[in-house]
PDB file of all heavy atoms in Angstrom:
ATOM      1  N   GLY A   1       3.398 -18.585 -16.128  1.00  0.00           N
ATOM      2  CA  GLY A   1       3.607 -19.812 -16.790  1.00  0.00           C
ATOM      3  C   GLY A   1       4.248 -19.582 -18.185  1.00  0.00           C
ATOM      4  O   GLY A   1       4.407 -18.478 -18.750  1.00  0.00           O
ATOM      5  N   SER A   2       4.721 -20.728 -18.692  1.00  0.00           N
ATOM      6  CA  SER A   2       5.614 -20.688 -19.910  1.00  0.00           C
ATOM      7  C   SER A   2       4.758 -20.322 -21.119  1.00  0.00           C
ATOM      8  O   SER A   2       5.383 -19.630 -22.066  1.00  0.00           O
ATOM      9  CB  SER A   2       6.272 -22.116 -20.014  1.00  0.00           C
ATOM     10  OG  SER A   2       5.402 -23.109 -20.237  1.00  0.00           O
ATOM     11  N   ILE A   3       3.535 -20.736 -21.321  1.00  0.00           N
ATOM     12  CA  ILE A   3       2.754 -20.459 -22.412  1.00  0.00           C
ATOM     13  C   ILE A   3       2.500 -18.998 -22.529  1.00  0.00           C
ATOM     14  O   ILE A   3       2.640 -18.310 -23.499  1.00  0.00           O
ATOM     15  CB  ILE A   3       1.455 -21.232 -22.469  1.00  0.00           C
ATOM     16  CG1 ILE A   3       1.672 -22.764 -22.646  1.00  0.00           C
ATOM     17  CG2 ILE A   3       0.526 -20.723 -23.640  1.00  0.00           C
ATOM     18  CD1 ILE A   3       0.646 -23.642 -22.627  1.00  0.00           C
ATOM     19  N   ASN A   4       2.033 -18.368 -21.452  1.00  0.00           N
ATOM     20  CA  ASN A   4       1.840 -16.863 -21.369  1.00  0.00           C
ATOM     21  C   ASN A   4       3.188 -16.190 -21.601  1.00  0.00           C
ATOM     22  O   ASN A   4       3.061 -15.122 -22.287  1.00  0.00           O
ATOM     23  CB  ASN A   4       1.253 -16.510 -19.966  1.00  0.00           C
ATOM     24  CG  ASN A   4      -0.198 -16.978 -19.856  1.00  0.00           C
ATOM     25  OD1 ASN A   4      -0.968 -16.829 -20.803  1.00  0.00           O
ATOM     26  ND2 ASN A   4      -0.555 -17.303 -18.594  1.00  0.00           N
ATOM     27  N   ALA A   5       4.192 -16.616 -21.037  1.00  0.00           N
ATOM     28  CA  ALA A   5       5.507 -15.951 -21.295  1.00  0.00           C
ATOM     29  C   ALA A   5       5.904 -16.083 -22.658  1.00  0.00           C
ATOM     30  O   ALA A   5       6.466 -15.043 -23.256  1.00  0.00           O
ATOM     31  CB  ALA A   5       6.563 -16.712 -20.437  1.00  0.00           C
ATOM     32  N   THR A   6       5.703 -17.204 -23.361  1.00  0.00           N
ATOM     33  CA  THR A   6       5.957 -17.236 -24.876  1.00  0.00           C
ATOM     34  C   THR A   6       5.160 -16.236 -25.718  1.00  0.00           C
ATOM     35  O   THR A   6       5.667 -15.499 -26.528  1.00  0.00           O
ATOM     36  CB  THR A   6       5.740 -18.664 -25.300  1.00  0.00           C
ATOM     37  OG1 THR A   6       6.505 -19.639 -24.635  1.00  0.00           O
ATOM     38  CG2 THR A   6       6.109 -18.830 -26.856  1.00  0.00           C
ATOM     39  N   ILE A   7       3.945 -16.202 -25.401  1.00  0.00           N
ATOM     40  CA  ILE A   7       3.006 -15.211 -26.117  1.00  0.00           C
ATOM     41  C   ILE A   7       3.608 -13.859 -25.805  1.00  0.00           C
ATOM     42  O   ILE A   7       3.621 -12.995 -26.944  1.00  0.00           O
ATOM     43  CB  ILE A   7       1.608 -15.384 -25.622  1.00  0.00           C
ATOM     44  CG1 ILE A   7       0.950 -16.789 -25.999  1.00  0.00           C
ATOM     45  CG2 ILE A   7       0.667 -14.299 -26.088  1.00  0.00           C
ATOM     46  CD1 ILE A   7      -0.281 -17.067 -25.291  1.00  0.00           C
ATOM     47  N   ALA A   8       3.887 -13.510 -24.616  1.00  0.00           N
ATOM     48  CA  ALA A   8       4.395 -12.130 -24.359  1.00  0.00           C
ATOM     49  C   ALA A   8       5.628 -11.824 -24.993  1.00  0.00           C
ATOM     50  O   ALA A   8       5.778 -10.751 -25.549  1.00  0.00           O
ATOM     51  CB  ALA A   8       4.543 -12.006 -22.859  1.00  0.00           C
ATOM     52  N   ALA A   9       6.597 -12.849 -25.057  1.00  0.00           N
ATOM     53  CA  ALA A   9       7.880 -12.614 -25.746  1.00  0.00           C
ATOM     54  C   ALA A   9       7.725 -12.406 -27.232  1.00  0.00           C
ATOM     55  O   ALA A   9       8.262 -11.431 -27.789  1.00  0.00           O
ATOM     56  CB  ALA A   9       8.793 -13.763 -25.413  1.00  0.00           C
ATOM     57  N   VAL A  10       6.988 -13.247 -27.821  1.00  0.00           N
ATOM     58  CA  VAL A  10       6.855 -13.068 -29.271  1.00  0.00           C
ATOM     59  C   VAL A  10       6.062 -11.736 -29.685  1.00  0.00           C
ATOM     60  O   VAL A  10       6.463 -10.921 -30.582  1.00  0.00           O
ATOM     61  CB  VAL A  10       6.011 -14.301 -29.833  1.00  0.00           C
ATOM     62  CG1 VAL A  10       5.637 -14.180 -31.342  1.00  0.00           C
ATOM     63  CG2 VAL A  10       6.899 -15.571 -29.671  1.00  0.00           C
ATOM     64  N   THR A  11       5.016 -11.492 -28.903  1.00  0.00           N
ATOM     65  CA  THR A  11       4.251 -10.267 -29.102  1.00  0.00           C
ATOM     66  C   THR A  11       5.172  -9.027 -28.886  1.00  0.00           C
ATOM     67  O   THR A  11       5.057  -8.057 -29.735  1.00  0.00           O
ATOM     68  CB  THR A  11       3.020 -10.173 -28.266  1.00  0.00           C
ATOM     69  OG1 THR A  11       2.291 -11.345 -28.434  1.00  0.00           O
ATOM     70  CG2 THR A  11       2.171  -8.987 -28.549  1.00  0.00           C
ATOM     71  N   GLY A  12       5.799  -8.987 -27.782  1.00  0.00           N
ATOM     72  CA  GLY A  12       6.781  -7.887 -27.495  1.00  0.00           C
ATOM     73  C   GLY A  12       7.740  -7.618 -28.469  1.00  0.00           C
ATOM     74  O   GLY A  12       8.066  -6.511 -28.887  1.00  0.00           O
ATOM     75  N   ILE A  13       8.471  -8.688 -28.984  1.00  0.00           N
ATOM     76  CA  ILE A  13       9.469  -8.561 -30.086  1.00  0.00           C
ATOM     77  C   ILE A  13       8.877  -7.925 -31.300  1.00  0.00           C
ATOM     78  O   ILE A  13       9.560  -7.045 -31.919  1.00  0.00           O
ATOM     79  CB  ILE A  13      10.196  -9.854 -30.198  1.00  0.00           C
ATOM     80  CG1 ILE A  13      10.991 -10.290 -28.945  1.00  0.00           C
ATOM     81  CG2 ILE A  13      11.007  -9.964 -31.459  1.00  0.00           C
ATOM     82  CD1 ILE A  13      11.474 -11.694 -28.893  1.00  0.00           C
ATOM     83  N   TYR A  14       7.766  -8.516 -31.760  1.00  0.00           N
ATOM     84  CA  TYR A  14       7.247  -8.113 -32.990  1.00  0.00           C
ATOM     85  C   TYR A  14       6.733  -6.503 -32.865  1.00  0.00           C
ATOM     86  O   TYR A  14       6.802  -5.820 -33.791  1.00  0.00           O
ATOM     87  CB  TYR A  14       6.084  -8.831 -33.381  1.00  0.00           C
ATOM     88  CG  TYR A  14       6.386 -10.030 -34.318  1.00  0.00           C
ATOM     89  CD1 TYR A  14       6.724 -11.328 -33.736  1.00  0.00           C
ATOM     90  CD2 TYR A  14       6.575  -9.928 -35.706  1.00  0.00           C
ATOM     91  CE1 TYR A  14       7.159 -12.336 -34.574  1.00  0.00           C
ATOM     92  CE2 TYR A  14       7.059 -10.891 -36.459  1.00  0.00           C
ATOM     93  CZ  TYR A  14       7.231 -12.176 -35.907  1.00  0.00           C
ATOM     94  OH  TYR A  14       7.728 -13.238 -36.633  1.00  0.00           O
ATOM     95  N   LYS A  15       6.194  -6.128 -31.788  1.00  0.00           N
ATOM     96  CA  LYS A  15       5.775  -4.791 -31.585  1.00  0.00           C
ATOM     97  C   LYS A  15       6.841  -3.790 -31.358  1.00  0.00           C
ATOM     98  O   LYS A  15       6.779  -2.578 -31.858  1.00  0.00           O
ATOM     99  CB  LYS A  15       4.805  -4.797 -30.337  1.00  0.00           C
ATOM    100  CG  LYS A  15       3.417  -5.191 -30.640  1.00  0.00           C
ATOM    101  CD  LYS A  15       2.461  -5.156 -29.338  1.00  0.00           C
ATOM    102  CE  LYS A  15       2.145  -3.829 -28.943  1.00  0.00           C
ATOM    103  NZ  LYS A  15       1.275  -3.121 -30.064  1.00  0.00           N
ATOM    104  N   TYR A  16       7.893  -4.151 -30.591  1.00  0.00           N
ATOM    105  CA  TYR A  16       8.931  -3.205 -30.170  1.00  0.00           C
ATOM    106  C   TYR A  16      10.330  -3.487 -30.535  1.00  0.00           C
ATOM    107  O   TYR A  16      11.185  -2.457 -30.366  1.00  0.00           O
ATOM    108  CB  TYR A  16       8.730  -3.098 -28.667  1.00  0.00           C
ATOM    109  CG  TYR A  16       7.351  -2.805 -28.210  1.00  0.00           C
ATOM    110  CD1 TYR A  16       6.582  -3.733 -27.420  1.00  0.00           C
ATOM    111  CD2 TYR A  16       6.749  -1.535 -28.315  1.00  0.00           C
ATOM    112  CE1 TYR A  16       5.325  -3.599 -26.971  1.00  0.00           C
ATOM    113  CE2 TYR A  16       5.487  -1.344 -27.779  1.00  0.00           C
ATOM    114  CZ  TYR A  16       4.785  -2.204 -27.116  1.00  0.00           C
ATOM    115  OH  TYR A  16       3.513  -2.021 -26.765  1.00  0.00           O
ATOM    116  N   ASN A  17      10.626  -4.496 -31.060  1.00  0.00           N
ATOM    117  CA  ASN A  17      11.970  -4.786 -31.495  1.00  0.00           C
ATOM    118  C   ASN A  17      13.004  -4.466 -30.460  1.00  0.00           C
ATOM    119  O   ASN A  17      13.996  -3.553 -30.755  1.00  0.00           O
ATOM    120  CB  ASN A  17      12.353  -4.020 -32.891  1.00  0.00           C
ATOM    121  CG  ASN A  17      13.609  -4.463 -33.531  1.00  0.00           C
ATOM    122  OD1 ASN A  17      14.027  -5.522 -33.283  1.00  0.00           O
ATOM    123  ND2 ASN A  17      14.212  -3.609 -34.134  1.00  0.00           N
ATOM    124  N   PRO A  18      12.993  -4.925 -29.291  1.00  0.00           N
ATOM    125  CA  PRO A  18      13.862  -4.577 -28.128  1.00  0.00           C
ATOM    126  C   PRO A  18      15.273  -4.928 -28.422  1.00  0.00           C
ATOM    127  O   PRO A  18      15.703  -5.847 -29.146  1.00  0.00           O
ATOM    128  CB  PRO A  18      13.341  -5.457 -26.987  1.00  0.00           C
ATOM    129  CG  PRO A  18      12.794  -6.569 -27.608  1.00  0.00           C
ATOM    130  CD  PRO A  18      12.234  -6.112 -28.925  1.00  0.00           C
ATOM    131  N   LYS A  19      16.157  -4.123 -27.868  1.00  0.00           N
ATOM    132  CA  LYS A  19      17.638  -4.255 -28.003  1.00  0.00           C
ATOM    133  C   LYS A  19      18.211  -5.322 -26.857  1.00  0.00           C
ATOM    134  O   LYS A  19      19.286  -5.860 -27.060  1.00  0.00           O
ATOM    135  CB  LYS A  19      18.337  -2.875 -27.831  1.00  0.00           C
ATOM    136  CG  LYS A  19      18.252  -2.309 -26.519  1.00  0.00           C
ATOM    137  CD  LYS A  19      18.765  -0.857 -26.521  1.00  0.00           C
ATOM    138  CE  LYS A  19      20.065  -0.634 -27.174  1.00  0.00           C
ATOM    139  NZ  LYS A  19      20.524   0.764 -27.028  1.00  0.00           N
ATOM    140  N   ALA A  20      17.359  -5.418 -25.849  1.00  0.00           N
ATOM    141  CA  ALA A  20      17.747  -6.491 -24.765  1.00  0.00           C
ATOM    142  C   ALA A  20      16.412  -6.697 -24.010  1.00  0.00           C
ATOM    143  O   ALA A  20      15.461  -6.007 -23.989  1.00  0.00           O
ATOM    144  CB  ALA A  20      18.683  -5.915 -23.869  1.00  0.00           C
ATOM    145  N   ILE A  21      16.364  -7.872 -23.368  1.00  0.00           N
ATOM    146  CA  ILE A  21      15.242  -8.315 -22.672  1.00  0.00           C
ATOM    147  C   ILE A  21      15.679  -8.628 -21.269  1.00  0.00           C
ATOM    148  O   ILE A  21      16.585  -9.447 -21.019  1.00  0.00           O
ATOM    149  CB  ILE A  21      14.447  -9.564 -23.226  1.00  0.00           C
ATOM    150  CG1 ILE A  21      13.791  -9.197 -24.620  1.00  0.00           C
ATOM    151  CG2 ILE A  21      13.412 -10.076 -22.262  1.00  0.00           C
ATOM    152  CD1 ILE A  21      13.220 -10.274 -25.304  1.00  0.00           C
ATOM    153  N   ILE A  22      15.059  -8.121 -20.265  1.00  0.00           N
ATOM    154  CA  ILE A  22      15.361  -8.506 -18.829  1.00  0.00           C
ATOM    155  C   ILE A  22      14.119  -9.232 -18.276  1.00  0.00           C
ATOM    156  O   ILE A  22      12.921  -8.681 -18.168  1.00  0.00           O
ATOM    157  CB  ILE A  22      15.500  -7.131 -17.974  1.00  0.00           C
ATOM    158  CG1 ILE A  22      16.737  -6.445 -18.467  1.00  0.00           C
ATOM    159  CG2 ILE A  22      15.797  -7.659 -16.441  1.00  0.00           C
ATOM    160  CD1 ILE A  22      17.012  -5.163 -17.744  1.00  0.00           C
ATOM    161  N   VAL A  23      14.327 -10.453 -17.800  1.00  0.00           N
ATOM    162  CA  VAL A  23      13.320 -11.329 -17.175  1.00  0.00           C
ATOM    163  C   VAL A  23      13.548 -11.096 -15.719  1.00  0.00           C
ATOM    164  O   VAL A  23      14.620 -11.377 -15.313  1.00  0.00           O
ATOM    165  CB  VAL A  23      13.358 -12.725 -17.660  1.00  0.00           C
ATOM    166  CG1 VAL A  23      12.183 -13.510 -16.906  1.00  0.00           C
ATOM    167  CG2 VAL A  23      13.242 -12.892 -19.033  1.00  0.00           C
ATOM    168  N   GLN A  24      12.585 -10.703 -15.066  1.00  0.00           N
ATOM    169  CA  GLN A  24      12.697 -10.423 -13.510  1.00  0.00           C
ATOM    170  C   GLN A  24      11.485 -10.796 -12.809  1.00  0.00           C
ATOM    171  O   GLN A  24      10.332 -10.731 -13.303  1.00  0.00           O
ATOM    172  CB  GLN A  24      13.220  -9.071 -13.343  1.00  0.00           C
ATOM    173  CG  GLN A  24      12.163  -7.885 -13.601  1.00  0.00           C
ATOM    174  CD  GLN A  24      11.189  -7.664 -12.547  1.00  0.00           C
ATOM    175  OE1 GLN A  24      11.404  -7.806 -11.407  1.00  0.00           O
ATOM    176  NE2 GLN A  24       9.924  -7.319 -12.965  1.00  0.00           N
ATOM    177  N   GLY A  25      11.746 -11.143 -11.459  1.00  0.00           N
ATOM    178  CA  GLY A  25      10.566 -11.560 -10.701  1.00  0.00           C
ATOM    179  C   GLY A  25      11.034 -12.412  -9.513  1.00  0.00           C
ATOM    180  O   GLY A  25      12.258 -12.341  -9.051  1.00  0.00           O
ATOM    181  N   VAL A  26      10.209 -13.295  -9.027  1.00  0.00           N
ATOM    182  CA  VAL A  26      10.645 -14.072  -7.860  1.00  0.00           C
ATOM    183  C   VAL A  26      10.884 -15.548  -8.271  1.00  0.00           C
ATOM    184  O   VAL A  26      10.338 -15.913  -9.255  1.00  0.00           O
ATOM    185  CB  VAL A  26       9.544 -13.856  -6.633  1.00  0.00           C
ATOM    186  CG1 VAL A  26       9.451 -12.547  -6.212  1.00  0.00           C
ATOM    187  CG2 VAL A  26       8.219 -14.513  -7.167  1.00  0.00           C
ATOM    188  N   ALA A  27      11.453 -16.294  -7.318  1.00  0.00           N
ATOM    189  CA  ALA A  27      11.718 -17.653  -7.584  1.00  0.00           C
ATOM    190  C   ALA A  27      11.821 -18.463  -6.274  1.00  0.00           C
ATOM    191  O   ALA A  27      12.138 -17.819  -5.184  1.00  0.00           O
ATOM    192  CB  ALA A  27      12.910 -17.880  -8.355  1.00  0.00           C
ATOM    193  N   GLY A  28      11.633 -19.749  -6.244  1.00  0.00           N
ATOM    194  CA  GLY A  28      11.778 -20.639  -4.978  1.00  0.00           C
ATOM    195  C   GLY A  28      13.212 -21.079  -5.057  1.00  0.00           C
ATOM    196  O   GLY A  28      13.719 -21.662  -5.993  1.00  0.00           O
ATOM    197  N   GLY A  29      13.970 -21.078  -3.865  1.00  0.00           N
ATOM    198  CA  GLY A  29      15.349 -21.511  -3.800  1.00  0.00           C
ATOM    199  C   GLY A  29      15.389 -22.923  -3.823  1.00  0.00           C
ATOM    200  O   GLY A  29      14.638 -23.688  -3.215  1.00  0.00           O
ATOM    201  N   HIS A  30      16.565 -23.401  -4.350  1.00  0.00           N
ATOM    202  CA  HIS A  30      16.837 -24.838  -4.338  1.00  0.00           C
ATOM    203  C   HIS A  30      18.092 -25.180  -3.503  1.00  0.00           C
ATOM    204  O   HIS A  30      18.282 -26.243  -3.206  1.00  0.00           O
ATOM    205  CB  HIS A  30      17.229 -25.254  -5.848  1.00  0.00           C
ATOM    206  CG  HIS A  30      15.972 -25.561  -6.596  1.00  0.00           C
ATOM    207  ND1 HIS A  30      16.009 -26.212  -7.843  1.00  0.00           N
ATOM    208  CD2 HIS A  30      14.673 -25.313  -6.388  1.00  0.00           C
ATOM    209  CE1 HIS A  30      14.802 -26.430  -8.241  1.00  0.00           C
ATOM    210  NE2 HIS A  30      13.917 -25.817  -7.438  1.00  0.00           N
ATOM    211  N   GLY A  31      18.885 -24.276  -3.151  1.00  0.00           N
ATOM    212  CA  GLY A  31      20.055 -24.618  -2.403  1.00  0.00           C
ATOM    213  C   GLY A  31      19.909 -24.250  -0.937  1.00  0.00           C
ATOM    214  O   GLY A  31      19.166 -23.438  -0.580  1.00  0.00           O
ATOM    215  N   GLU A  32      20.660 -25.033  -0.172  1.00  0.00           N
ATOM    216  CA  GLU A  32      20.509 -24.876   1.317  1.00  0.00           C
ATOM    217  C   GLU A  32      21.285 -23.514   1.724  1.00  0.00           C
ATOM    218  O   GLU A  32      21.121 -23.064   2.973  1.00  0.00           O
ATOM    219  CB  GLU A  32      21.292 -26.071   2.062  1.00  0.00           C
ATOM    220  CG  GLU A  32      20.539 -27.388   1.942  1.00  0.00           C
ATOM    221  CD  GLU A  32      21.126 -28.469   2.627  1.00  0.00           C
ATOM    222  OE1 GLU A  32      22.186 -28.274   3.307  1.00  0.00           O
ATOM    223  OE2 GLU A  32      20.513 -29.608   2.628  1.00  0.00           O
ATOM    224  N   ASN A  33      22.080 -22.944   0.959  1.00  0.00           N
ATOM    225  CA  ASN A  33      22.766 -21.644   1.188  1.00  0.00           C
ATOM    226  C   ASN A  33      22.056 -20.487   0.618  1.00  0.00           C
ATOM    227  O   ASN A  33      22.583 -19.284   0.680  1.00  0.00           O
ATOM    228  CB  ASN A  33      24.197 -21.714   0.787  1.00  0.00           C
ATOM    229  CG  ASN A  33      24.290 -21.859  -0.730  1.00  0.00           C
ATOM    230  OD1 ASN A  33      23.424 -22.488  -1.304  1.00  0.00           O
ATOM    231  ND2 ASN A  33      25.393 -21.418  -1.188  1.00  0.00           N
TER     232      ASN A  33
END
């Protein structure tokens, strides 16, 4: 969920100062192809 994701992003940025962020996981398809 978006609230948990926001907490994780803010916390992670403050703790580790990342040079890039990769969001990865699964999703439900919207297109017929």
